Amino acid sequence: MATKTFLKSIVIKDKKSAEKFINALENAENKKAKEVKIDKMVKEISDSETIRKIFIKKKLFLKYSIN
């Protein structure tokens, strides 16, 4: 989830808007998170050179696969 999504300032100007906002929060609180199954092998990388190589490969792949 993008940080901007949950750090947004909210201005409530009237009672009806306040009630809608509270209802939305209460509704969200009652929902369970969906279980996520990861079926791909993953490898965590943190060094910038490896990340750069991955993006270069992807860029080249996209460049030649569009045609």
C-alpha atoms as a PDB file:
ATOM      1  CA  MET A   1       0.000   0.000   0.000  1.00  0.00           C
ATOM      2  CA  ALA A   2       1.295   3.409  -0.861  1.00  0.00           C
ATOM      3  CA  THR A   3       2.223   5.612   2.088  1.00  0.00           C
ATOM      4  CA  LYS A   4       0.244   8.524   0.685  1.00  0.00           C
ATOM      5  CA  THR A   5      -2.929   6.426   0.942  1.00  0.00           C
ATOM      6  CA  PHE A   6      -2.980   6.316   4.735  1.00  0.00           C
ATOM      7  CA  LEU A   7      -1.191   9.575   5.543  1.00  0.00           C
ATOM      8  CA  LYS A   8      -3.776  11.796   3.865  1.00  0.00           C
ATOM      9  CA  SER A   9      -5.324  14.591   5.914  1.00  0.00           C
ATOM     10  CA  ILE A  10      -9.089  14.423   6.170  1.00  0.00           C
ATOM     11  CA  VAL A  11     -11.267  17.496   6.755  1.00  0.00           C
ATOM     12  CA  ILE A  12     -14.750  16.778   8.049  1.00  0.00           C
ATOM     13  CA  LYS A  13     -17.043  19.769   7.591  1.00  0.00           C
ATOM     14  CA  ASP A  14     -20.447  18.523   8.725  1.00  0.00           C
ATOM     15  CA  LYS A  15     -22.172  15.930  10.894  1.00  0.00           C
ATOM     16  CA  LYS A  16     -23.268  13.751   7.959  1.00  0.00           C
ATOM     17  CA  SER A  17     -19.676  13.474   6.685  1.00  0.00           C
ATOM     18  CA  ALA A  18     -18.476  12.632  10.205  1.00  0.00           C
ATOM     19  CA  GLU A  19     -21.047   9.835  10.503  1.00  0.00           C
ATOM     20  CA  LYS A  20     -20.097   8.423   7.095  1.00  0.00           C
ATOM     21  CA  PHE A  21     -16.418   8.464   8.052  1.00  0.00           C
ATOM     22  CA  ILE A  22     -17.050   6.728  11.382  1.00  0.00           C
ATOM     23  CA  ASN A  23     -19.227   4.096   9.682  1.00  0.00           C
ATOM     24  CA  ALA A  24     -16.485   3.445   7.120  1.00  0.00           C
ATOM     25  CA  LEU A  25     -13.883   3.005   9.878  1.00  0.00           C
ATOM     26  CA  GLU A  26     -16.138   0.655  11.839  1.00  0.00           C
ATOM     27  CA  ASN A  27     -16.910  -1.352   8.696  1.00  0.00           C
ATOM     28  CA  ALA A  28     -13.208  -1.662   7.857  1.00  0.00           C
ATOM     29  CA  GLU A  29     -12.410  -2.766  11.396  1.00  0.00           C
ATOM     30  CA  ASN A  30     -14.767  -5.754  11.070  1.00  0.00           C
ATOM     31  CA  LYS A  31     -13.226  -7.041   7.847  1.00  0.00           C
ATOM     32  CA  LYS A  32     -10.561  -9.704   7.956  1.00  0.00           C
ATOM     33  CA  ALA A  33      -7.465  -9.494   5.836  1.00  0.00           C
ATOM     34  CA  LYS A  34      -7.319 -11.893   2.916  1.00  0.00           C
ATOM     35  CA  GLU A  35      -4.834 -14.722   3.182  1.00  0.00           C
ATOM     36  CA  VAL A  36      -2.069 -14.437   0.626  1.00  0.00           C
ATOM     37  CA  LYS A  37      -0.366 -17.508  -0.764  1.00  0.00           C
ATOM     38  CA  ILE A  38       3.035 -16.931  -2.334  1.00  0.00           C
ATOM     39  CA  ASP A  39       3.667 -19.564  -4.965  1.00  0.00           C
ATOM     40  CA  LYS A  40       6.787 -18.062  -6.518  1.00  0.00           C
ATOM     41  CA  MET A  41      10.308 -18.414  -5.233  1.00  0.00           C
ATOM     42  CA  VAL A  42      11.635 -15.089  -3.982  1.00  0.00           C
ATOM     43  CA  LYS A  43      15.081 -13.826  -3.113  1.00  0.00           C
ATOM     44  CA  GLU A  44      15.657 -10.666  -1.124  1.00  0.00           C
ATOM     45  CA  ILE A  45      18.252  -8.341  -2.605  1.00  0.00           C
ATOM     46  CA  SER A  46      19.504  -5.063  -1.229  1.00  0.00           C
ATOM     47  CA  ASP A  47      22.644  -4.086  -3.086  1.00  0.00           C
ATOM     48  CA  SER A  48      22.128  -1.375  -5.666  1.00  0.00           C
ATOM     49  CA  GLU A  49      24.189  -3.009  -8.425  1.00  0.00           C
ATOM     50  CA  THR A  50      22.036  -6.159  -8.490  1.00  0.00           C
ATOM     51  CA  ILE A  51      18.854  -4.077  -8.523  1.00  0.00           C
ATOM     52  CA  ARG A  52      20.230  -1.933 -11.362  1.00  0.00           C
ATOM     53  CA  LYS A  53      21.032  -5.070 -13.418  1.00  0.00           C
ATOM     54  CA  ILE A  54      17.509  -6.419 -12.943  1.00  0.00           C
ATOM     55  CA  PHE A  55      15.929  -3.198 -14.190  1.00  0.00           C
ATOM     56  CA  ILE A  56      18.288  -2.998 -17.159  1.00  0.00           C
ATOM     57  CA  LYS A  57      17.326  -6.552 -18.167  1.00  0.00           C
ATOM     58  CA  LYS A  58      13.636  -5.742 -17.782  1.00  0.00           C
ATOM     59  CA  LYS A  59      13.969  -2.553 -19.829  1.00  0.00           C
ATOM     60  CA  LEU A  60      15.753  -4.421 -22.637  1.00  0.00           C
ATOM     61  CA  PHE A  61      13.141  -7.187 -22.548  1.00  0.00           C
ATOM     62  CA  LEU A  62      10.277  -4.702 -22.824  1.00  0.00           C
ATOM     63  CA  LYS A  63      12.018  -2.773 -25.590  1.00  0.00           C
ATOM     64  CA  TYR A  64      12.366  -5.846 -27.806  1.00  0.00           C
ATOM     65  CA  SER A  65       9.148  -7.659 -26.880  1.00  0.00           C
ATOM     66  CA  ILE A  66       6.771  -4.849 -27.920  1.00  0.00           C
ATOM     67  CA  ASN A  67       7.380  -5.316 -31.634  1.00  0.00           C
END
